[in-house]
Structures are given as structure tokens and as C-alpha cells.
Amino acid sequence: MKKLNYTTVEDLLVDDGFLAWYRKTDETEVDKWNGWIEADPEHQCLAEEAIHLLKLILLAEEKVEVTEQQIKAGFNRIANVIAACEKQQGNTSIK
């Protein structure tokens, strides 16, 4: 915890101590940040917002491996749904 007056989510996300608290990699930081968060409801809100944004960032950075077979299977499912919709529309049209 480098400074005491954190006012933005960005302040938290660039603080190595906050990231250590989030990852639970440093017991000293965990204790400090738990105390800071518990000291003020606004601190808790700010920390929750930072956690939410951090999770979104980490999720966006995850790489998902997809095989060619999975891509083809997904394409086939989409094609089948489209064909079923077209067939259904053909059956309900007025002649």
C-alpha cells in the first residue's frame, strides 16, 4: 500500500500491493488491504469495482484454444438452426 488516499479504480489497479492482495500472494498486503477496505464503505465499493474490472481484464486476456473440428461442428450447428428456421418459415407462409 503505497499511498493512503485511493480515490479511483485506476489507483488500485496500478498498485502492486492491491494486486498482491487480490492474488493473495503477500500476507502483509492482504492484512493491510483488508483493514483499508473494512475502514470505510467507500473503500469497499472502490475495491469491488476494481475487482470487477480486473476480472474482466483477466478474462479478456485468456486464450481459448479451439480445434478445427470444434469450429466445423459449431458451423454445422449454426447451419442446421438456419435450415430449421427456413423450413419453419416455409411451412407457415400463406400460399
PDB file of N, CA and C in Angstrom:
ATOM      1  N   MET A   1       0.868  -1.158   0.000  1.00  0.00           N
ATOM      2  CA  MET A   1       0.000   0.000   0.000  1.00  0.00           C
ATOM      3  C   MET A   1       0.915   1.221   0.000  1.00  0.00           C
ATOM      4  N   LYS A   2       1.005   1.858  -1.154  1.00  0.00           N
ATOM      5  CA  LYS A   2       1.932   2.972  -1.317  1.00  0.00           C
ATOM      6  C   LYS A   2       1.376   4.280  -0.798  1.00  0.00           C
ATOM      7  N   LYS A   3       0.118   4.522  -1.019  1.00  0.00           N
ATOM      8  CA  LYS A   3      -0.475   5.767  -0.542  1.00  0.00           C
ATOM      9  C   LYS A   3      -1.748   5.462   0.218  1.00  0.00           C
ATOM     10  N   LEU A   4      -2.232   6.447   0.920  1.00  0.00           N
ATOM     11  CA  LEU A   4      -3.416   6.219   1.746  1.00  0.00           C
ATOM     12  C   LEU A   4      -4.690   6.736   1.095  1.00  0.00           C
ATOM     13  N   ASN A   5      -4.571   7.631   0.143  1.00  0.00           N
ATOM     14  CA  ASN A   5      -5.749   8.285  -0.427  1.00  0.00           C
ATOM     15  C   ASN A   5      -6.042   7.745  -1.825  1.00  0.00           C
ATOM     16  N   TYR A   6      -6.611   6.564  -1.883  1.00  0.00           N
ATOM     17  CA  TYR A   6      -7.016   5.982  -3.156  1.00  0.00           C
ATOM     18  C   TYR A   6      -8.417   6.490  -3.466  1.00  0.00           C
ATOM     19  N   THR A   7      -8.570   7.097  -4.643  1.00  0.00           N
ATOM     20  CA  THR A   7      -9.875   7.678  -4.972  1.00  0.00           C
ATOM     21  C   THR A   7     -10.473   7.116  -6.255  1.00  0.00           C
ATOM     22  N   THR A   8      -9.676   6.388  -7.027  1.00  0.00           N
ATOM     23  CA  THR A   8     -10.190   5.840  -8.285  1.00  0.00           C
ATOM     24  C   THR A   8      -9.840   4.363  -8.393  1.00  0.00           C
ATOM     25  N   VAL A   9     -10.577   3.687  -9.240  1.00  0.00           N
ATOM     26  CA  VAL A   9     -10.301   2.281  -9.534  1.00  0.00           C
ATOM     27  C   VAL A   9      -8.898   2.151 -10.107  1.00  0.00           C
ATOM     28  N   GLU A  10      -8.523   3.106 -10.946  1.00  0.00           N
ATOM     29  CA  GLU A  10      -7.207   3.072 -11.573  1.00  0.00           C
ATOM     30  C   GLU A  10      -6.102   3.130 -10.520  1.00  0.00           C
ATOM     31  N   ASP A  11      -6.325   3.925  -9.449  1.00  0.00           N
ATOM     32  CA  ASP A  11      -5.346   3.987  -8.363  1.00  0.00           C
ATOM     33  C   ASP A  11      -5.076   2.593  -7.801  1.00  0.00           C
ATOM     34  N   LEU A  12      -6.133   1.831  -7.642  1.00  0.00           N
ATOM     35  CA  LEU A  12      -5.984   0.487  -7.082  1.00  0.00           C
ATOM     36  C   LEU A  12      -5.324  -0.465  -8.062  1.00  0.00           C
ATOM     37  N   LEU A  13      -5.728  -0.392  -9.324  1.00  0.00           N
ATOM     38  CA  LEU A  13      -5.239  -1.348 -10.314  1.00  0.00           C
ATOM     39  C   LEU A  13      -3.758  -1.187 -10.630  1.00  0.00           C
ATOM     40  N   VAL A  14      -3.190  -0.011 -10.364  1.00  0.00           N
ATOM     41  CA  VAL A  14      -1.762   0.180 -10.626  1.00  0.00           C
ATOM     42  C   VAL A  14      -0.926  -0.012  -9.358  1.00  0.00           C
ATOM     43  N   ASP A  15      -1.557  -0.351  -8.266  1.00  0.00           N
ATOM     44  CA  ASP A  15      -0.856  -0.546  -7.003  1.00  0.00           C
ATOM     45  C   ASP A  15      -0.469  -2.018  -6.859  1.00  0.00           C
ATOM     46  N   ASP A  16       0.832  -2.271  -6.767  1.00  0.00           N
ATOM     47  CA  ASP A  16       1.311  -3.653  -6.633  1.00  0.00           C
ATOM     48  C   ASP A  16       0.767  -4.330  -5.380  1.00  0.00           C
ATOM     49  N   GLY A  17       0.587  -3.561  -4.327  1.00  0.00           N
ATOM     50  CA  GLY A  17       0.052  -4.122  -3.086  1.00  0.00           C
ATOM     51  C   GLY A  17      -1.382  -4.582  -3.248  1.00  0.00           C
ATOM     52  N   PHE A  18      -2.176  -3.795  -3.962  1.00  0.00           N
ATOM     53  CA  PHE A  18      -3.565  -4.192  -4.207  1.00  0.00           C
ATOM     54  C   PHE A  18      -3.607  -5.481  -5.020  1.00  0.00           C
ATOM     55  N   LEU A  19      -2.760  -5.564  -6.036  1.00  0.00           N
ATOM     56  CA  LEU A  19      -2.729  -6.777  -6.860  1.00  0.00           C
ATOM     57  C   LEU A  19      -2.268  -7.980  -6.043  1.00  0.00           C
ATOM     58  N   ALA A  20      -1.311  -7.767  -5.127  1.00  0.00           N
ATOM     59  CA  ALA A  20      -0.878  -8.861  -4.244  1.00  0.00           C
ATOM     60  C   ALA A  20      -2.021  -9.270  -3.317  1.00  0.00           C
ATOM     61  N   TRP A  21      -2.802  -8.290  -2.850  1.00  0.00           N
ATOM     62  CA  TRP A  21      -3.974  -8.597  -2.021  1.00  0.00           C
ATOM     63  C   TRP A  21      -4.969  -9.426  -2.819  1.00  0.00           C
ATOM     64  N   TYR A  22      -5.252  -8.991  -4.043  1.00  0.00           N
ATOM     65  CA  TYR A  22      -6.214  -9.690  -4.896  1.00  0.00           C
ATOM     66  C   TYR A  22      -5.774 -11.140  -5.145  1.00  0.00           C
ATOM     67  N   ARG A  23      -4.488 -11.309  -5.433  1.00  0.00           N
ATOM     68  CA  ARG A  23      -3.957 -12.644  -5.731  1.00  0.00           C
ATOM     69  C   ARG A  23      -3.642 -13.445  -4.468  1.00  0.00           C
ATOM     70  N   LYS A  24      -3.665 -12.747  -3.316  1.00  0.00           N
ATOM     71  CA  LYS A  24      -3.347 -13.356  -2.018  1.00  0.00           C
ATOM     72  C   LYS A  24      -1.933 -13.956  -2.020  1.00  0.00           C
ATOM     73  N   THR A  25      -0.978 -13.173  -2.562  1.00  0.00           N
ATOM     74  CA  THR A  25       0.406 -13.629  -2.646  1.00  0.00           C
ATOM     75  C   THR A  25       1.291 -13.028  -1.570  1.00  0.00           C
ATOM     76  N   ASP A  26       0.770 -12.081  -0.776  1.00  0.00           N
ATOM     77  CA  ASP A  26       1.566 -11.423   0.263  1.00  0.00           C
ATOM     78  C   ASP A  26       0.668 -11.170   1.473  1.00  0.00           C
ATOM     79  N   GLU A  27       0.908 -11.924   2.549  1.00  0.00           N
ATOM     80  CA  GLU A  27       0.052 -11.840   3.739  1.00  0.00           C
ATOM     81  C   GLU A  27       0.024 -10.433   4.330  1.00  0.00           C
ATOM     82  N   THR A  28       1.160  -9.739   4.291  1.00  0.00           N
ATOM     83  CA  THR A  28       1.211  -8.376   4.827  1.00  0.00           C
ATOM     84  C   THR A  28       0.267  -7.470   4.052  1.00  0.00           C
ATOM     85  N   GLU A  29       0.305  -7.572   2.733  1.00  0.00           N
ATOM     86  CA  GLU A  29      -0.587  -6.758   1.897  1.00  0.00           C
ATOM     87  C   GLU A  29      -2.041  -7.164   2.094  1.00  0.00           C
ATOM     88  N   VAL A  30      -2.284  -8.448   2.244  1.00  0.00           N
ATOM     89  CA  VAL A  30      -3.656  -8.922   2.477  1.00  0.00           C
ATOM     90  C   VAL A  30      -4.200  -8.283   3.748  1.00  0.00           C
ATOM     91  N   ASP A  31      -3.409  -8.281   4.805  1.00  0.00           N
ATOM     92  CA  ASP A  31      -3.852  -7.680   6.063  1.00  0.00           C
ATOM     93  C   ASP A  31      -4.070  -6.177   5.922  1.00  0.00           C
ATOM     94  N   LYS A  32      -3.133  -5.494   5.263  1.00  0.00           N
ATOM     95  CA  LYS A  32      -3.256  -4.045   5.085  1.00  0.00           C
ATOM     96  C   LYS A  32      -4.508  -3.690   4.286  1.00  0.00           C
ATOM     97  N   TRP A  33      -4.710  -4.382   3.173  1.00  0.00           N
ATOM     98  CA  TRP A  33      -5.849  -4.068   2.311  1.00  0.00           C
ATOM     99  C   TRP A  33      -7.167  -4.462   2.952  1.00  0.00           C
ATOM    100  N   ASN A  34      -7.196  -5.569   3.666  1.00  0.00           N
ATOM    101  CA  ASN A  34      -8.427  -5.932   4.376  1.00  0.00           C
ATOM    102  C   ASN A  34      -8.801  -4.839   5.372  1.00  0.00           C
ATOM    103  N   GLY A  35      -7.801  -4.313   6.077  1.00  0.00           N
ATOM    104  CA  GLY A  35      -8.053  -3.227   7.021  1.00  0.00           C
ATOM    105  C   GLY A  35      -8.542  -1.968   6.325  1.00  0.00           C
ATOM    106  N   TRP A  36      -7.926  -1.629   5.194  1.00  0.00           N
ATOM    107  CA  TRP A  36      -8.317  -0.436   4.433  1.00  0.00           C
ATOM    108  C   TRP A  36      -9.756  -0.574   3.938  1.00  0.00           C
ATOM    109  N   ILE A  37     -10.093  -1.731   3.429  1.00  0.00           N
ATOM    110  CA  ILE A  37     -11.440  -1.972   2.893  1.00  0.00           C
ATOM    111  C   ILE A  37     -12.479  -1.926   4.018  1.00  0.00           C
ATOM    112  N   GLU A  38     -12.164  -2.513   5.146  1.00  0.00           N
ATOM    113  CA  GLU A  38     -13.107  -2.549   6.262  1.00  0.00           C
ATOM    114  C   GLU A  38     -13.282  -1.181   6.936  1.00  0.00           C
ATOM    115  N   ALA A  39     -12.337  -0.286   6.733  1.00  0.00           N
ATOM    116  CA  ALA A  39     -12.362   1.015   7.413  1.00  0.00           C
ATOM    117  C   ALA A  39     -13.437   1.956   6.898  1.00  0.00           C
ATOM    118  N   ASP A  40     -13.894   1.740   5.662  1.00  0.00           N
ATOM    119  CA  ASP A  40     -14.813   2.715   5.068  1.00  0.00           C
ATOM    120  C   ASP A  40     -15.643   2.030   3.984  1.00  0.00           C
ATOM    121  N   PRO A  41     -16.963   2.198   4.007  1.00  0.00           N
ATOM    122  CA  PRO A  41     -17.802   1.596   2.964  1.00  0.00           C
ATOM    123  C   PRO A  41     -17.416   2.059   1.554  1.00  0.00           C
ATOM    124  N   GLU A  42     -16.930   3.291   1.419  1.00  0.00           N
ATOM    125  CA  GLU A  42     -16.495   3.761   0.101  1.00  0.00           C
ATOM    126  C   GLU A  42     -15.275   2.994  -0.380  1.00  0.00           C
ATOM    127  N   HIS A  43     -14.394   2.625   0.555  1.00  0.00           N
ATOM    128  CA  HIS A  43     -13.230   1.812   0.198  1.00  0.00           C
ATOM    129  C   HIS A  43     -13.685   0.460  -0.343  1.00  0.00           C
ATOM    130  N   GLN A  44     -14.694  -0.104   0.320  1.00  0.00           N
ATOM    131  CA  GLN A  44     -15.200  -1.406  -0.114  1.00  0.00           C
ATOM    132  C   GLN A  44     -15.781  -1.307  -1.522  1.00  0.00           C
ATOM    133  N   CYS A  45     -16.543  -0.265  -1.788  1.00  0.00           N
ATOM    134  CA  CYS A  45     -17.128  -0.081  -3.127  1.00  0.00           C
ATOM    135  C   CYS A  45     -16.038   0.076  -4.172  1.00  0.00           C
ATOM    136  N   LEU A  46     -15.033   0.862  -3.864  1.00  0.00           N
ATOM    137  CA  LEU A  46     -13.938   1.086  -4.797  1.00  0.00           C
ATOM    138  C   LEU A  46     -13.203  -0.224  -5.077  1.00  0.00           C
ATOM    139  N   ALA A  47     -12.937  -0.993  -4.025  1.00  0.00           N
ATOM    140  CA  ALA A  47     -12.257  -2.278  -4.193  1.00  0.00           C
ATOM    141  C   ALA A  47     -13.102  -3.243  -5.017  1.00  0.00           C
ATOM    142  N   GLU A  48     -14.412  -3.268  -4.776  1.00  0.00           N
ATOM    143  CA  GLU A  48     -15.293  -4.161  -5.546  1.00  0.00           C
ATOM    144  C   GLU A  48     -15.301  -3.780  -7.020  1.00  0.00           C
ATOM    145  N   GLU A  49     -15.321  -2.482  -7.304  1.00  0.00           N
ATOM    146  CA  GLU A  49     -15.274  -2.040  -8.696  1.00  0.00           C
ATOM    147  C   GLU A  49     -13.954  -2.445  -9.349  1.00  0.00           C
ATOM    148  N   ALA A  50     -12.856  -2.285  -8.620  1.00  0.00           N
ATOM    149  CA  ALA A  50     -11.548  -2.653  -9.151  1.00  0.00           C
ATOM    150  C   ALA A  50     -11.467  -4.159  -9.402  1.00  0.00           C
ATOM    151  N   ILE A  51     -12.009  -4.943  -8.479  1.00  0.00           N
ATOM    152  CA  ILE A  51     -12.009  -6.400  -8.642  1.00  0.00           C
ATOM    153  C   ILE A  51     -12.812  -6.786  -9.878  1.00  0.00           C
ATOM    154  N   HIS A  52     -13.967  -6.169 -10.047  1.00  0.00           N
ATOM    155  CA  HIS A  52     -14.807  -6.466 -11.209  1.00  0.00           C
ATOM    156  C   HIS A  52     -14.054  -6.157 -12.506  1.00  0.00           C
ATOM    157  N   LEU A  53     -13.435  -4.993 -12.569  1.00  0.00           N
ATOM    158  CA  LEU A  53     -12.696  -4.614 -13.762  1.00  0.00           C
ATOM    159  C   LEU A  53     -11.498  -5.527 -13.980  1.00  0.00           C
ATOM    160  N   LEU A  54     -10.808  -5.879 -12.914  1.00  0.00           N
ATOM    161  CA  LEU A  54      -9.670  -6.772 -13.018  1.00  0.00           C
ATOM    162  C   LEU A  54     -10.088  -8.136 -13.561  1.00  0.00           C
ATOM    163  N   LYS A  55     -11.212  -8.639 -13.098  1.00  0.00           N
ATOM    164  CA  LYS A  55     -11.706  -9.924 -13.606  1.00  0.00           C
ATOM    165  C   LYS A  55     -12.040  -9.838 -15.082  1.00  0.00           C
ATOM    166  N   LEU A  56     -12.629  -8.727 -15.507  1.00  0.00           N
ATOM    167  CA  LEU A  56     -12.938  -8.551 -16.928  1.00  0.00           C
ATOM    168  C   LEU A  56     -11.664  -8.508 -17.760  1.00  0.00           C
ATOM    169  N   ILE A  57     -10.667  -7.808 -17.260  1.00  0.00           N
ATOM    170  CA  ILE A  57      -9.392  -7.720 -17.973  1.00  0.00           C
ATOM    171  C   ILE A  57      -8.754  -9.093 -18.082  1.00  0.00           C
ATOM    172  N   LEU A  58      -8.717  -9.822 -16.987  1.00  0.00           N
ATOM    173  CA  LEU A  58      -8.106 -11.153 -16.990  1.00  0.00           C
ATOM    174  C   LEU A  58      -8.868 -12.111 -17.889  1.00  0.00           C
ATOM    175  N   LEU A  59     -10.184 -12.007 -17.900  1.00  0.00           N
ATOM    176  CA  LEU A  59     -10.997 -12.854 -18.765  1.00  0.00           C
ATOM    177  C   LEU A  59     -10.711 -12.548 -20.232  1.00  0.00           C
ATOM    178  N   ALA A  60     -10.582 -11.288 -20.552  1.00  0.00           N
ATOM    179  CA  ALA A  60     -10.306 -10.890 -21.933  1.00  0.00           C
ATOM    180  C   ALA A  60      -8.931 -11.366 -22.391  1.00  0.00           C
ATOM    181  N   GLU A  61      -8.015 -11.519 -21.442  1.00  0.00           N
ATOM    182  CA  GLU A  61      -6.663 -11.939 -21.795  1.00  0.00           C
ATOM    183  C   GLU A  61      -6.517 -13.452 -21.932  1.00  0.00           C
ATOM    184  N   GLU A  62      -7.499 -14.195 -21.434  1.00  0.00           N
ATOM    185  CA  GLU A  62      -7.417 -15.652 -21.531  1.00  0.00           C
ATOM    186  C   GLU A  62      -7.455 -16.074 -22.994  1.00  0.00           C
ATOM    187  N   LYS A  63      -6.619 -17.016 -23.299  1.00  0.00           N
ATOM    188  CA  LYS A  63      -6.623 -17.545 -24.656  1.00  0.00           C
ATOM    189  C   LYS A  63      -7.411 -18.852 -24.657  1.00  0.00           C
ATOM    190  N   VAL A  64      -8.308 -18.946 -25.580  1.00  0.00           N
ATOM    191  CA  VAL A  64      -9.121 -20.143 -25.692  1.00  0.00           C
ATOM    192  C   VAL A  64      -8.643 -20.904 -26.921  1.00  0.00           C
ATOM    193  N   GLU A  65      -8.288 -22.151 -26.719  1.00  0.00           N
ATOM    194  CA  GLU A  65      -7.845 -22.969 -27.835  1.00  0.00           C
ATOM    195  C   GLU A  65      -9.039 -23.725 -28.405  1.00  0.00           C
ATOM    196  N   VAL A  66      -9.230 -23.579 -29.702  1.00  0.00           N
ATOM    197  CA  VAL A  66     -10.338 -24.228 -30.391  1.00  0.00           C
ATOM    198  C   VAL A  66      -9.759 -25.018 -31.554  1.00  0.00           C
ATOM    199  N   THR A  67     -10.168 -26.271 -31.661  1.00  0.00           N
ATOM    200  CA  THR A  67      -9.674 -27.094 -32.755  1.00  0.00           C
ATOM    201  C   THR A  67     -10.491 -26.835 -34.014  1.00  0.00           C
ATOM    202  N   GLU A  68      -9.944 -27.234 -35.133  1.00  0.00           N
ATOM    203  CA  GLU A  68     -10.659 -27.087 -36.403  1.00  0.00           C
ATOM    204  C   GLU A  68     -11.950 -27.909 -36.381  1.00  0.00           C
ATOM    205  N   GLN A  69     -11.901 -29.058 -35.751  1.00  0.00           N
ATOM    206  CA  GLN A  69     -13.086 -29.907 -35.645  1.00  0.00           C
ATOM    207  C   GLN A  69     -14.186 -29.194 -34.856  1.00  0.00           C
ATOM    208  N   GLN A  70     -13.830 -28.498 -33.773  1.00  0.00           N
ATOM    209  CA  GLN A  70     -14.816 -27.766 -32.988  1.00  0.00           C
ATOM    210  C   GLN A  70     -15.421 -26.620 -33.798  1.00  0.00           C
ATOM    211  N   ILE A  71     -14.602 -25.977 -34.595  1.00  0.00           N
ATOM    212  CA  ILE A  71     -15.102 -24.889 -35.439  1.00  0.00           C
ATOM    213  C   ILE A  71     -16.096 -25.437 -36.459  1.00  0.00           C
ATOM    214  N   LYS A  72     -15.746 -26.546 -37.094  1.00  0.00           N
ATOM    215  CA  LYS A  72     -16.647 -27.150 -38.078  1.00  0.00           C
ATOM    216  C   LYS A  72     -17.951 -27.602 -37.425  1.00  0.00           C
ATOM    217  N   ALA A  73     -17.854 -28.189 -36.237  1.00  0.00           N
ATOM    218  CA  ALA A  73     -19.060 -28.639 -35.537  1.00  0.00           C
ATOM    219  C   ALA A  73     -19.955 -27.448 -35.206  1.00  0.00           C
ATOM    220  N   GLY A  74     -19.359 -26.347 -34.758  1.00  0.00           N
ATOM    221  CA  GLY A  74     -20.122 -25.142 -34.461  1.00  0.00           C
ATOM    222  C   GLY A  74     -20.779 -24.585 -35.711  1.00  0.00           C
ATOM    223  N   PHE A  75     -20.051 -24.567 -36.810  1.00  0.00           N
ATOM    224  CA  PHE A  75     -20.611 -24.096 -38.076  1.00  0.00           C
ATOM    225  C   PHE A  75     -21.787 -24.970 -38.495  1.00  0.00           C
ATOM    226  N   ASN A  76     -21.634 -26.276 -38.352  1.00  0.00           N
ATOM    227  CA  ASN A  76     -22.721 -27.190 -38.720  1.00  0.00           C
ATOM    228  C   ASN A  76     -23.965 -26.966 -37.865  1.00  0.00           C
ATOM    229  N   ARG A  77     -23.775 -26.729 -36.567  1.00  0.00           N
ATOM    230  CA  ARG A  77     -24.925 -26.445 -35.692  1.00  0.00           C
ATOM    231  C   ARG A  77     -25.638 -25.173 -36.138  1.00  0.00           C
ATOM    232  N   ILE A  78     -24.860 -24.153 -36.465  1.00  0.00           N
ATOM    233  CA  ILE A  78     -25.457 -22.893 -36.929  1.00  0.00           C
ATOM    234  C   ILE A  78     -26.209 -23.120 -38.228  1.00  0.00           C
ATOM    235  N   ALA A  79     -25.611 -23.868 -39.155  1.00  0.00           N
ATOM    236  CA  ALA A  79     -26.258 -24.150 -40.437  1.00  0.00           C
ATOM    237  C   ALA A  79     -27.554 -24.926 -40.229  1.00  0.00           C
ATOM    238  N   ASN A  80     -27.557 -25.864 -39.286  1.00  0.00           N
ATOM    239  CA  ASN A  80     -28.761 -26.646 -39.003  1.00  0.00           C
ATOM    240  C   ASN A  80     -29.869 -25.776 -38.429  1.00  0.00           C
ATOM    241  N   VAL A  81     -29.510 -24.843 -37.562  1.00  0.00           N
ATOM    242  CA  VAL A  81     -30.508 -23.936 -36.979  1.00  0.00           C
ATOM    243  C   VAL A  81     -31.091 -23.046 -38.075  1.00  0.00           C
ATOM    244  N   ILE A  82     -30.228 -22.539 -38.935  1.00  0.00           N
ATOM    245  CA  ILE A  82     -30.704 -21.696 -40.038  1.00  0.00           C
ATOM    246  C   ILE A  82     -31.640 -22.485 -40.941  1.00  0.00           C
ATOM    247  N   ALA A  83     -31.250 -23.718 -41.271  1.00  0.00           N
ATOM    248  CA  ALA A  83     -32.084 -24.547 -42.144  1.00  0.00           C
ATOM    249  C   ALA A  83     -33.433 -24.833 -41.481  1.00  0.00           C
ATOM    250  N   ALA A  84     -33.429 -25.113 -40.189  1.00  0.00           N
ATOM    251  CA  ALA A  84     -34.676 -25.384 -39.477  1.00  0.00           C
ATOM    252  C   ALA A  84     -35.567 -24.148 -39.472  1.00  0.00           C
ATOM    253  N   CYS A  85     -34.974 -22.984 -39.288  1.00  0.00           N
ATOM    254  CA  CYS A  85     -35.755 -21.736 -39.307  1.00  0.00           C
ATOM    255  C   CYS A  85     -36.351 -21.491 -40.690  1.00  0.00           C
ATOM    256  N   GLU A  86     -35.548 -21.707 -41.706  1.00  0.00           N
ATOM    257  CA  GLU A  86     -36.040 -21.510 -43.076  1.00  0.00           C
ATOM    258  C   GLU A  86     -37.161 -22.491 -43.388  1.00  0.00           C
ATOM    259  N   LYS A  87     -37.016 -23.724 -42.935  1.00  0.00           N
ATOM    260  CA  LYS A  87     -38.052 -24.732 -43.169  1.00  0.00           C
ATOM    261  C   LYS A  87     -39.334 -24.338 -42.443  1.00  0.00           C
ATOM    262  N   GLN A  88     -39.197 -23.885 -41.210  1.00  0.00           N
ATOM    263  CA  GLN A  88     -40.355 -23.482 -40.437  1.00  0.00           C
ATOM    264  C   GLN A  88     -41.043 -22.286 -41.093  1.00  0.00           C
ATOM    265  N   GLN A  89     -40.301 -21.346 -41.581  1.00  0.00           N
ATOM    266  CA  GLN A  89     -40.883 -20.185 -42.247  1.00  0.00           C
ATOM    267  C   GLN A  89     -41.604 -20.602 -43.517  1.00  0.00           C
ATOM    268  N   GLY A  90     -41.060 -21.595 -44.201  1.00  0.00           N
ATOM    269  CA  GLY A  90     -41.710 -22.101 -45.413  1.00  0.00           C
ATOM    270  C   GLY A  90     -43.011 -22.799 -45.119  1.00  0.00           C
ATOM    271  N   ASN A  91     -43.086 -23.489 -43.978  1.00  0.00           N
ATOM    272  CA  ASN A  91     -44.298 -24.206 -43.596  1.00  0.00           C
ATOM    273  C   ASN A  91     -45.398 -23.268 -43.111  1.00  0.00           C
ATOM    274  N   THR A  92     -45.042 -22.094 -42.666  1.00  0.00           N
ATOM    275  CA  THR A  92     -46.066 -21.183 -42.109  1.00  0.00           C
ATOM    276  C   THR A  92     -46.448 -20.074 -43.074  1.00  0.00           C
ATOM    277  N   SER A  93     -45.828 -20.058 -44.220  1.00  0.00           N
ATOM    278  CA  SER A  93     -46.146 -18.982 -45.161  1.00  0.00           C
ATOM    279  C   SER A  93     -47.514 -19.240 -45.814  1.00  0.00           C
ATOM    280  N   ILE A  94     -48.195 -18.162 -46.182  1.00  0.00           N
ATOM    281  CA  ILE A  94     -49.502 -18.261 -46.819  1.00  0.00           C
ATOM    282  C   ILE A  94     -49.295 -18.575 -48.293  1.00  0.00           C
ATOM    283  N   LYS A  95     -50.073 -19.534 -48.800  1.00  0.00           N
ATOM    284  CA  LYS A  95     -49.934 -19.953 -50.199  1.00  0.00           C
ATOM    285  C   LYS A  95     -51.055 -19.400 -51.011  1.00  0.00           C
TER     286      LYS A  95
END
